[in-house]
Full PDB file with SEQRES, HELIX, SHEET, SSBOND, CRYST1, ORIGX, SCALE, CONECT and MASTER records, all heavy atoms in Angstrom:
SEQRES   1 A   35  SER VAL ARG PRO VAL THR ILE VAL LEU VAL GLU ASP ASP          
SEQRES   2 A   35  LEU GLY HIS ALA ARG LEU ILE GLU ARG SER LEU ARG ARG          
SEQRES   3 A   35  ALA HIS VAL THR ASN ASP MET VAL ILE                          
HELIX    1 AA1 LEU A   14  ARG A   26  1                                  13    
SHEET    1 AA1 2 THR A   6  VAL A   8  0                                        
SHEET    2 AA1 2 ASP A  32  VAL A  34  1                                        
CRYST1    1.000    1.000    1.000  90.00  90.00  90.00 P 1           1          
ORIGX1      1.000000  0.000000  0.000000        0.00000                         
ORIGX2      0.000000  1.000000  0.000000        0.00000                         
ORIGX3      0.000000  0.000000  1.000000        0.00000                         
SCALE1      1.000000  0.000000  0.000000        0.00000                         
SCALE2      0.000000  1.000000  0.000000        0.00000                         
SCALE3      0.000000  0.000000  1.000000        0.00000                         
ATOM      1  N   SER A   1     197.621 184.179 -19.841  1.00  0.00           N  
ATOM      2  CA  SER A   1     198.816 184.511 -20.606  1.00  0.00           C  
ATOM      3  C   SER A   1     198.431 185.456 -21.735  1.00  0.00           C  
ATOM      4  O   SER A   1     197.331 185.375 -22.274  1.00  0.00           O  
ATOM      5  CB  SER A   1     199.469 183.250 -21.158  1.00  0.00           C  
ATOM      6  OG  SER A   1     198.599 182.623 -22.057  1.00  0.00           O  
ATOM      7  N   VAL A   2     199.325 186.331 -22.078  1.00  0.00           N  
ATOM      8  CA  VAL A   2     199.079 187.286 -23.144  1.00  0.00           C  
ATOM      9  C   VAL A   2     199.477 186.637 -24.460  1.00  0.00           C  
ATOM     10  O   VAL A   2     200.599 186.142 -24.603  1.00  0.00           O  
ATOM     11  CB  VAL A   2     199.881 188.584 -22.912  1.00  0.00           C  
ATOM     12  CG1 VAL A   2     199.678 189.544 -24.055  1.00  0.00           C  
ATOM     13  CG2 VAL A   2     199.485 189.215 -21.597  1.00  0.00           C  
ATOM     14  N   ARG A   3     198.542 186.618 -25.395  1.00  0.00           N  
ATOM     15  CA  ARG A   3     198.819 186.047 -26.712  1.00  0.00           C  
ATOM     16  C   ARG A   3     199.268 187.156 -27.651  1.00  0.00           C  
ATOM     17  O   ARG A   3     198.784 188.288 -27.555  1.00  0.00           O  
ATOM     18  CB  ARG A   3     197.576 185.391 -27.284  1.00  0.00           C  
ATOM     19  CG  ARG A   3     197.193 184.140 -26.558  1.00  0.00           C  
ATOM     20  CD  ARG A   3     196.036 183.512 -27.262  1.00  0.00           C  
ATOM     21  NE  ARG A   3     195.919 182.148 -26.810  1.00  0.00           N  
ATOM     22  CZ  ARG A   3     195.184 181.255 -27.421  1.00  0.00           C  
ATOM     23  NH1 ARG A   3     194.499 181.562 -28.493  1.00  0.00           N  
ATOM     24  NH2 ARG A   3     195.121 180.034 -26.964  1.00  0.00           N  
ATOM     25  N   PRO A   4     200.156 186.826 -28.574  1.00  0.00           N  
ATOM     26  CA  PRO A   4     200.561 187.851 -29.541  1.00  0.00           C  
ATOM     27  C   PRO A   4     199.392 188.243 -30.435  1.00  0.00           C  
ATOM     28  O   PRO A   4     198.520 187.425 -30.725  1.00  0.00           O  
ATOM     29  CB  PRO A   4     201.667 187.170 -30.347  1.00  0.00           C  
ATOM     30  CG  PRO A   4     201.472 185.711 -30.121  1.00  0.00           C  
ATOM     31  CD  PRO A   4     200.789 185.551 -28.798  1.00  0.00           C  
ATOM     32  N   VAL A   5     199.371 189.492 -30.829  1.00  0.00           N  
ATOM     33  CA  VAL A   5     198.331 189.998 -31.713  1.00  0.00           C  
ATOM     34  C   VAL A   5     198.879 189.945 -33.131  1.00  0.00           C  
ATOM     35  O   VAL A   5     199.920 190.516 -33.437  1.00  0.00           O  
ATOM     36  CB  VAL A   5     197.933 191.435 -31.316  1.00  0.00           C  
ATOM     37  CG1 VAL A   5     196.845 191.958 -32.217  1.00  0.00           C  
ATOM     38  CG2 VAL A   5     197.487 191.469 -29.860  1.00  0.00           C  
ATOM     39  N   THR A   6     198.163 189.256 -33.994  1.00  0.00           N  
ATOM     40  CA  THR A   6     198.651 188.931 -35.329  1.00  0.00           C  
ATOM     41  C   THR A   6     198.094 189.864 -36.399  1.00  0.00           C  
ATOM     42  O   THR A   6     196.949 190.274 -36.337  1.00  0.00           O  
ATOM     43  CB  THR A   6     198.264 187.477 -35.671  1.00  0.00           C  
ATOM     44  OG1 THR A   6     198.793 186.617 -34.668  1.00  0.00           O  
ATOM     45  CG2 THR A   6     198.781 187.057 -37.024  1.00  0.00           C  
ATOM     46  N   ILE A   7     198.934 190.151 -37.379  1.00  0.00           N  
ATOM     47  CA  ILE A   7     198.525 190.860 -38.589  1.00  0.00           C  
ATOM     48  C   ILE A   7     198.540 189.844 -39.724  1.00  0.00           C  
ATOM     49  O   ILE A   7     199.503 189.094 -39.876  1.00  0.00           O  
ATOM     50  CB  ILE A   7     199.487 192.021 -38.914  1.00  0.00           C  
ATOM     51  CG1 ILE A   7     199.431 193.082 -37.814  1.00  0.00           C  
ATOM     52  CG2 ILE A   7     199.170 192.623 -40.287  1.00  0.00           C  
ATOM     53  CD1 ILE A   7     200.486 194.165 -37.945  1.00  0.00           C  
ATOM     54  N   VAL A   8     197.461 189.809 -40.506  1.00  0.00           N  
ATOM     55  CA  VAL A   8     197.408 188.938 -41.669  1.00  0.00           C  
ATOM     56  C   VAL A   8     197.615 189.787 -42.914  1.00  0.00           C  
ATOM     57  O   VAL A   8     196.921 190.783 -43.122  1.00  0.00           O  
ATOM     58  CB  VAL A   8     196.050 188.192 -41.753  1.00  0.00           C  
ATOM     59  CG1 VAL A   8     195.888 187.508 -43.097  1.00  0.00           C  
ATOM     60  CG2 VAL A   8     195.930 187.177 -40.625  1.00  0.00           C  
ATOM     61  N   LEU A   9     198.594 189.412 -43.717  1.00  0.00           N  
ATOM     62  CA  LEU A   9     198.880 190.058 -44.997  1.00  0.00           C  
ATOM     63  C   LEU A   9     198.520 189.081 -46.101  1.00  0.00           C  
ATOM     64  O   LEU A   9     199.047 187.969 -46.148  1.00  0.00           O  
ATOM     65  CB  LEU A   9     200.362 190.445 -45.083  1.00  0.00           C  
ATOM     66  CG  LEU A   9     200.871 190.926 -46.437  1.00  0.00           C  
ATOM     67  CD1 LEU A   9     200.120 192.169 -46.904  1.00  0.00           C  
ATOM     68  CD2 LEU A   9     202.370 191.180 -46.374  1.00  0.00           C  
ATOM     69  N   VAL A  10     197.595 189.501 -46.970  1.00  0.00           N  
ATOM     70  CA  VAL A  10     197.193 188.653 -48.094  1.00  0.00           C  
ATOM     71  C   VAL A  10     197.717 189.331 -49.358  1.00  0.00           C  
ATOM     72  O   VAL A  10     197.170 190.337 -49.809  1.00  0.00           O  
ATOM     73  CB  VAL A  10     195.663 188.465 -48.152  1.00  0.00           C  
ATOM     74  CG1 VAL A  10     195.317 187.419 -49.206  1.00  0.00           C  
ATOM     75  CG2 VAL A  10     195.089 188.076 -46.792  1.00  0.00           C  
ATOM     76  N   GLU A  11     198.807 188.797 -49.897  1.00  0.00           N  
ATOM     77  CA  GLU A  11     199.518 189.414 -51.018  1.00  0.00           C  
ATOM     78  C   GLU A  11     200.175 188.325 -51.849  1.00  0.00           C  
ATOM     79  O   GLU A  11     200.969 187.540 -51.322  1.00  0.00           O  
ATOM     80  CB  GLU A  11     200.570 190.386 -50.470  1.00  0.00           C  
ATOM     81  CG  GLU A  11     201.525 190.952 -51.486  1.00  0.00           C  
ATOM     82  CD  GLU A  11     200.827 191.779 -52.554  1.00  0.00           C  
ATOM     83  OE1 GLU A  11     200.299 192.854 -52.248  1.00  0.00           O  
ATOM     84  OE2 GLU A  11     200.837 191.318 -53.725  1.00  0.00           O  
ATOM     85  N   ASP A  12     199.847 188.265 -53.139  1.00  0.00           N  
ATOM     86  CA  ASP A  12     200.405 187.212 -53.987  1.00  0.00           C  
ATOM     87  C   ASP A  12     201.789 187.543 -54.528  1.00  0.00           C  
ATOM     88  O   ASP A  12     202.523 186.650 -54.923  1.00  0.00           O  
ATOM     89  CB  ASP A  12     199.455 186.876 -55.133  1.00  0.00           C  
ATOM     90  CG  ASP A  12     199.228 188.042 -56.074  1.00  0.00           C  
ATOM     91  OD1 ASP A  12     199.075 189.185 -55.589  1.00  0.00           O  
ATOM     92  OD2 ASP A  12     199.204 187.822 -57.293  1.00  0.00           O  
ATOM     93  N   ASP A  13     202.176 188.796 -54.533  1.00  0.00           N  
ATOM     94  CA  ASP A  13     203.486 189.206 -55.034  1.00  0.00           C  
ATOM     95  C   ASP A  13     204.489 189.171 -53.876  1.00  0.00           C  
ATOM     96  O   ASP A  13     204.404 189.970 -52.944  1.00  0.00           O  
ATOM     97  CB  ASP A  13     203.390 190.614 -55.630  1.00  0.00           C  
ATOM     98  CG  ASP A  13     204.691 191.078 -56.251  1.00  0.00           C  
ATOM     99  OD1 ASP A  13     205.721 191.108 -55.542  1.00  0.00           O  
ATOM    100  OD2 ASP A  13     204.662 191.442 -57.439  1.00  0.00           O  
ATOM    101  N   LEU A  14     205.446 188.239 -53.948  1.00  0.00           N  
ATOM    102  CA  LEU A  14     206.415 188.055 -52.875  1.00  0.00           C  
ATOM    103  C   LEU A  14     207.221 189.324 -52.607  1.00  0.00           C  
ATOM    104  O   LEU A  14     207.487 189.668 -51.455  1.00  0.00           O  
ATOM    105  CB  LEU A  14     207.343 186.886 -53.206  1.00  0.00           C  
ATOM    106  CG  LEU A  14     208.302 186.443 -52.118  1.00  0.00           C  
ATOM    107  CD1 LEU A  14     207.559 186.055 -50.853  1.00  0.00           C  
ATOM    108  CD2 LEU A  14     209.146 185.278 -52.612  1.00  0.00           C  
ATOM    109  N   GLY A  15     207.580 190.049 -53.662  1.00  0.00           N  
ATOM    110  CA  GLY A  15     208.327 191.301 -53.496  1.00  0.00           C  
ATOM    111  C   GLY A  15     207.523 192.345 -52.747  1.00  0.00           C  
ATOM    112  O   GLY A  15     208.050 193.023 -51.854  1.00  0.00           O  
ATOM    113  N   HIS A  16     206.250 192.482 -53.087  1.00  0.00           N  
ATOM    114  CA  HIS A  16     205.386 193.433 -52.378  1.00  0.00           C  
ATOM    115  C   HIS A  16     205.211 193.011 -50.924  1.00  0.00           C  
ATOM    116  O   HIS A  16     205.213 193.854 -50.026  1.00  0.00           O  
ATOM    117  CB  HIS A  16     204.023 193.525 -53.058  1.00  0.00           C  
ATOM    118  CG  HIS A  16     204.036 194.273 -54.344  1.00  0.00           C  
ATOM    119  ND1 HIS A  16     202.905 194.456 -55.098  1.00  0.00           N  
ATOM    120  CD2 HIS A  16     205.031 194.893 -55.029  1.00  0.00           C  
ATOM    121  CE1 HIS A  16     203.197 195.146 -56.176  1.00  0.00           C  
ATOM    122  NE2 HIS A  16     204.493 195.403 -56.155  1.00  0.00           N  
ATOM    123  N   ALA A  17     205.051 191.711 -50.686  1.00  0.00           N  
ATOM    124  CA  ALA A  17     204.889 191.221 -49.316  1.00  0.00           C  
ATOM    125  C   ALA A  17     206.114 191.564 -48.477  1.00  0.00           C  
ATOM    126  O   ALA A  17     205.982 192.032 -47.335  1.00  0.00           O  
ATOM    127  CB  ALA A  17     204.645 189.714 -49.318  1.00  0.00           C  
ATOM    128  N   ARG A  18     207.299 191.371 -49.026  1.00  0.00           N  
ATOM    129  CA  ARG A  18     208.528 191.704 -48.296  1.00  0.00           C  
ATOM    130  C   ARG A  18     208.622 193.196 -48.020  1.00  0.00           C  
ATOM    131  O   ARG A  18     209.015 193.612 -46.928  1.00  0.00           O  
ATOM    132  CB  ARG A  18     209.754 191.239 -49.085  1.00  0.00           C  
ATOM    133  CG  ARG A  18     209.965 189.763 -49.038  1.00  0.00           C  
ATOM    134  CD  ARG A  18     211.260 189.386 -49.722  1.00  0.00           C  
ATOM    135  NE  ARG A  18     211.394 187.944 -49.784  1.00  0.00           N  
ATOM    136  CZ  ARG A  18     211.906 187.295 -50.804  1.00  0.00           C  
ATOM    137  NH1 ARG A  18     212.332 187.952 -51.877  1.00  0.00           N  
ATOM    138  NH2 ARG A  18     212.002 185.995 -50.787  1.00  0.00           N  
ATOM    139  N   LEU A  19     208.282 194.012 -49.013  1.00  0.00           N  
ATOM    140  CA  LEU A  19     208.321 195.464 -48.848  1.00  0.00           C  
ATOM    141  C   LEU A  19     207.335 195.921 -47.769  1.00  0.00           C  
ATOM    142  O   LEU A  19     207.674 196.752 -46.924  1.00  0.00           O  
ATOM    143  CB  LEU A  19     208.001 196.148 -50.176  1.00  0.00           C  
ATOM    144  CG  LEU A  19     207.988 197.668 -50.167  1.00  0.00           C  
ATOM    145  CD1 LEU A  19     209.361 198.225 -49.823  1.00  0.00           C  
ATOM    146  CD2 LEU A  19     207.528 198.192 -51.522  1.00  0.00           C  
ATOM    147  N   ILE A  20     206.151 195.383 -47.773  1.00  0.00           N  
ATOM    148  CA  ILE A  20     205.149 195.741 -46.768  1.00  0.00           C  
ATOM    149  C   ILE A  20     205.620 195.321 -45.381  1.00  0.00           C  
ATOM    150  O   ILE A  20     205.547 196.102 -44.427  1.00  0.00           O  
ATOM    151  CB  ILE A  20     203.783 195.113 -47.122  1.00  0.00           C  
ATOM    152  CG1 ILE A  20     203.221 195.778 -48.381  1.00  0.00           C  
ATOM    153  CG2 ILE A  20     202.812 195.225 -45.950  1.00  0.00           C  
ATOM    154  CD1 ILE A  20     202.068 195.022 -49.026  1.00  0.00           C  
ATOM    155  N   GLU A  21     206.122 194.106 -45.267  1.00  0.00           N  
ATOM    156  CA  GLU A  21     206.608 193.643 -43.971  1.00  0.00           C  
ATOM    157  C   GLU A  21     207.776 194.504 -43.488  1.00  0.00           C  
ATOM    158  O   GLU A  21     207.830 194.911 -42.325  1.00  0.00           O  
ATOM    159  CB  GLU A  21     207.023 192.174 -44.028  1.00  0.00           C  
ATOM    160  CG  GLU A  21     207.441 191.652 -42.672  1.00  0.00           C  
ATOM    161  CD  GLU A  21     207.749 190.165 -42.668  1.00  0.00           C  
ATOM    162  OE1 GLU A  21     207.981 189.579 -43.744  1.00  0.00           O  
ATOM    163  OE2 GLU A  21     207.745 189.597 -41.559  1.00  0.00           O  
ATOM    164  N   ARG A  22     208.699 194.825 -44.372  1.00  0.00           N  
ATOM    165  CA  ARG A  22     209.840 195.676 -44.014  1.00  0.00           C  
ATOM    166  C   ARG A  22     209.368 197.058 -43.549  1.00  0.00           C  
ATOM    167  O   ARG A  22     209.866 197.608 -42.576  1.00  0.00           O  
ATOM    168  CB  ARG A  22     210.790 195.806 -45.205  1.00  0.00           C  
ATOM    169  CG  ARG A  22     212.149 196.346 -44.822  1.00  0.00           C  
ATOM    170  CD  ARG A  22     213.155 196.318 -45.971  1.00  0.00           C  
ATOM    171  NE  ARG A  22     213.094 195.092 -46.738  1.00  0.00           N  
ATOM    172  CZ  ARG A  22     212.992 195.041 -48.061  1.00  0.00           C  
ATOM    173  NH1 ARG A  22     212.940 196.138 -48.779  1.00  0.00           N  
ATOM    174  NH2 ARG A  22     212.960 193.887 -48.697  1.00  0.00           N  
ATOM    175  N   SER A  23     208.367 197.608 -44.243  1.00  0.00           N  
ATOM    176  CA  SER A  23     207.820 198.918 -43.858  1.00  0.00           C  
ATOM    177  C   SER A  23     207.188 198.862 -42.474  1.00  0.00           C  
ATOM    178  O   SER A  23     207.336 199.795 -41.681  1.00  0.00           O  
ATOM    179  CB  SER A  23     206.780 199.380 -44.879  1.00  0.00           C  
ATOM    180  OG  SER A  23     207.375 199.621 -46.121  1.00  0.00           O  
ATOM    181  N   LEU A  24     206.493 197.782 -42.189  1.00  0.00           N  
ATOM    182  CA  LEU A  24     205.902 197.624 -40.863  1.00  0.00           C  
ATOM    183  C   LEU A  24     206.981 197.555 -39.785  1.00  0.00           C  
ATOM    184  O   LEU A  24     206.851 198.182 -38.727  1.00  0.00           O  
ATOM    185  CB  LEU A  24     205.040 196.363 -40.808  1.00  0.00           C  
ATOM    186  CG  LEU A  24     203.709 196.429 -41.534  1.00  0.00           C  
ATOM    187  CD1 LEU A  24     203.087 195.047 -41.642  1.00  0.00           C  
ATOM    188  CD2 LEU A  24     202.766 197.382 -40.829  1.00  0.00           C  
ATOM    189  N   ARG A  25     208.030 196.811 -40.048  1.00  0.00           N  
ATOM    190  CA  ARG A  25     209.117 196.678 -39.063  1.00  0.00           C  
ATOM    191  C   ARG A  25     209.822 198.021 -38.850  1.00  0.00           C  
ATOM    192  O   ARG A  25     210.167 198.359 -37.720  1.00  0.00           O  
ATOM    193  CB  ARG A  25     210.123 195.603 -39.484  1.00  0.00           C  
ATOM    194  CG  ARG A  25     209.517 194.216 -39.643  1.00  0.00           C  
ATOM    195  CD  ARG A  25     208.845 193.714 -38.390  1.00  0.00           C  
ATOM    196  NE  ARG A  25     208.236 192.400 -38.612  1.00  0.00           N  
ATOM    197  CZ  ARG A  25     207.131 192.008 -38.036  1.00  0.00           C  
ATOM    198  NH1 ARG A  25     206.477 192.779 -37.191  1.00  0.00           N  
ATOM    199  NH2 ARG A  25     206.644 190.804 -38.277  1.00  0.00           N  
ATOM    200  N   ARG A  26     210.012 198.788 -39.913  1.00  0.00           N  
ATOM    201  CA  ARG A  26     210.619 200.127 -39.782  1.00  0.00           C  
ATOM    202  C   ARG A  26     209.735 201.063 -38.968  1.00  0.00           C  
ATOM    203  O   ARG A  26     210.229 201.986 -38.342  1.00  0.00           O  
ATOM    204  CB  ARG A  26     210.867 200.737 -41.156  1.00  0.00           C  
ATOM    205  CG  ARG A  26     212.099 200.208 -41.821  1.00  0.00           C  
ATOM    206  CD  ARG A  26     212.442 201.055 -43.026  1.00  0.00           C  
ATOM    207  NE  ARG A  26     213.205 200.249 -43.947  1.00  0.00           N  
ATOM    208  CZ  ARG A  26     212.998 200.170 -45.244  1.00  0.00           C  
ATOM    209  NH1 ARG A  26     212.052 200.881 -45.810  1.00  0.00           N  
ATOM    210  NH2 ARG A  26     213.733 199.398 -45.995  1.00  0.00           N  
ATOM    211  N   ALA A  27     208.438 200.830 -39.024  1.00  0.00           N  
ATOM    212  CA  ALA A  27     207.486 201.641 -38.257  1.00  0.00           C  
ATOM    213  C   ALA A  27     207.337 201.102 -36.827  1.00  0.00           C  
ATOM    214  O   ALA A  27     206.453 201.519 -36.098  1.00  0.00           O  
ATOM    215  CB  ALA A  27     206.135 201.667 -38.953  1.00  0.00           C  
ATOM    216  N   HIS A  28     208.215 200.175 -36.451  1.00  0.00           N  
ATOM    217  CA  HIS A  28     208.256 199.587 -35.108  1.00  0.00           C  
ATOM    218  C   HIS A  28     207.015 198.755 -34.784  1.00  0.00           C  
ATOM    219  O   HIS A  28     206.630 198.648 -33.629  1.00  0.00           O  
ATOM    220  CB  HIS A  28     208.484 200.669 -34.044  1.00  0.00           C  
ATOM    221  CG  HIS A  28     209.686 201.507 -34.318  1.00  0.00           C  
ATOM    222  ND1 HIS A  28     210.975 201.025 -34.207  1.00  0.00           N  
ATOM    223  CD2 HIS A  28     209.794 202.789 -34.736  1.00  0.00           C  
ATOM    224  CE1 HIS A  28     211.831 201.973 -34.536  1.00  0.00           C  
ATOM    225  NE2 HIS A  28     211.139 203.056 -34.864  1.00  0.00           N  
ATOM    226  N   VAL A  29     206.405 198.189 -35.799  1.00  0.00           N  
ATOM    227  CA  VAL A  29     205.310 197.242 -35.589  1.00  0.00           C  
ATOM    228  C   VAL A  29     205.957 195.875 -35.416  1.00  0.00           C  
ATOM    229  O   VAL A  29     206.619 195.375 -36.324  1.00  0.00           O  
ATOM    230  CB  VAL A  29     204.320 197.243 -36.778  1.00  0.00           C  
ATOM    231  CG1 VAL A  29     203.263 196.165 -36.602  1.00  0.00           C  
ATOM    232  CG2 VAL A  29     203.681 198.613 -36.930  1.00  0.00           C  
ATOM    233  N   THR A  30     205.790 195.305 -34.236  1.00  0.00           N  
ATOM    234  CA  THR A  30     206.469 194.047 -33.915  1.00  0.00           C  
ATOM    235  C   THR A  30     205.517 192.854 -33.844  1.00  0.00           C  
ATOM    236  O   THR A  30     205.920 191.774 -33.440  1.00  0.00           O  
ATOM    237  CB  THR A  30     207.218 194.175 -32.569  1.00  0.00           C  
ATOM    238  OG1 THR A  30     206.267 194.507 -31.553  1.00  0.00           O  
ATOM    239  CG2 THR A  30     208.302 195.238 -32.647  1.00  0.00           C  
ATOM    240  N   ASN A  31     204.281 193.050 -34.240  1.00  0.00           N  
ATOM    241  CA  ASN A  31     203.292 191.971 -34.197  1.00  0.00           C  
ATOM    242  C   ASN A  31     203.735 190.792 -35.051  1.00  0.00           C  
ATOM    243  O   ASN A  31     204.443 190.958 -36.038  1.00  0.00           O  
ATOM    244  CB  ASN A  31     201.945 192.463 -34.742  1.00  0.00           C  
ATOM    245  CG  ASN A  31     201.390 193.620 -33.961  1.00  0.00           C  
ATOM    246  OD1 ASN A  31     201.968 194.690 -33.950  1.00  0.00           O  
ATOM    247  ND2 ASN A  31     200.279 193.411 -33.322  1.00  0.00           N  
ATOM    248  N   ASP A  32     203.253 189.613 -34.671  1.00  0.00           N  
ATOM    249  CA  ASP A  32     203.441 188.447 -35.520  1.00  0.00           C  
ATOM    250  C   ASP A  32     202.706 188.704 -36.827  1.00  0.00           C  
ATOM    251  O   ASP A  32     201.660 189.358 -36.839  1.00  0.00           O  
ATOM    252  CB  ASP A  32     202.863 187.195 -34.861  1.00  0.00           C  
ATOM    253  CG  ASP A  32     203.674 186.734 -33.664  1.00  0.00           C  
ATOM    254  OD1 ASP A  32     204.838 187.143 -33.532  1.00  0.00           O  
ATOM    255  OD2 ASP A  32     203.122 185.959 -32.856  1.00  0.00           O  
ATOM    256  N   MET A  33     203.254 188.199 -37.926  1.00  0.00           N  
ATOM    257  CA  MET A  33     202.615 188.344 -39.230  1.00  0.00           C  
ATOM    258  C   MET A  33     202.401 186.985 -39.854  1.00  0.00           C  
ATOM    259  O   MET A  33     203.282 186.132 -39.820  1.00  0.00           O  
ATOM    260  CB  MET A  33     203.468 189.197 -40.170  1.00  0.00           C  
ATOM    261  CG  MET A  33     203.433 190.665 -39.821  1.00  0.00           C  
ATOM    262  SD  MET A  33     204.142 191.674 -41.127  1.00  0.00           S  
ATOM    263  CE  MET A  33     202.937 191.465 -42.400  1.00  0.00           C  
ATOM    264  N   VAL A  34     201.225 186.825 -40.432  1.00  0.00           N  
ATOM    265  CA  VAL A  34     200.920 185.651 -41.231  1.00  0.00           C  
ATOM    266  C   VAL A  34     200.780 186.156 -42.663  1.00  0.00           C  
ATOM    267  O   VAL A  34     199.963 187.032 -42.928  1.00  0.00           O  
ATOM    268  CB  VAL A  34     199.607 184.976 -40.766  1.00  0.00           C  
ATOM    269  CG1 VAL A  34     199.208 183.864 -41.715  1.00  0.00           C  
ATOM    270  CG2 VAL A  34     199.739 184.473 -39.341  1.00  0.00           C  
ATOM    271  N   ILE A  35     201.602 185.629 -43.560  1.00  0.00           N  
ATOM    272  CA  ILE A  35     201.557 186.054 -44.956  1.00  0.00           C  
ATOM    273  C   ILE A  35     200.929 184.929 -45.773  1.00  0.00           C  
ATOM    274  O   ILE A  35     201.404 183.788 -45.755  1.00  0.00           O  
ATOM    275  CB  ILE A  35     202.963 186.408 -45.478  1.00  0.00           C  
ATOM    276  CG1 ILE A  35     203.550 187.546 -44.644  1.00  0.00           C  
ATOM    277  CG2 ILE A  35     202.897 186.792 -46.958  1.00  0.00           C  
ATOM    278  CD1 ILE A  35     204.987 187.890 -44.951  1.00  0.00           C  
TER     279      ILE A  35                                                      
MASTER        0    0    0    1    2    0    0    6  278    1    0    3          
END                                                                             
């Protein structure tokens, strides 16, 4: 079975984490994210 490929984001600022995740989604990055 194919497992999802995960991106780990280590960011203490919740606003920055949301902005980074939103930017990734706009760039069509659909990987699972662990924040």
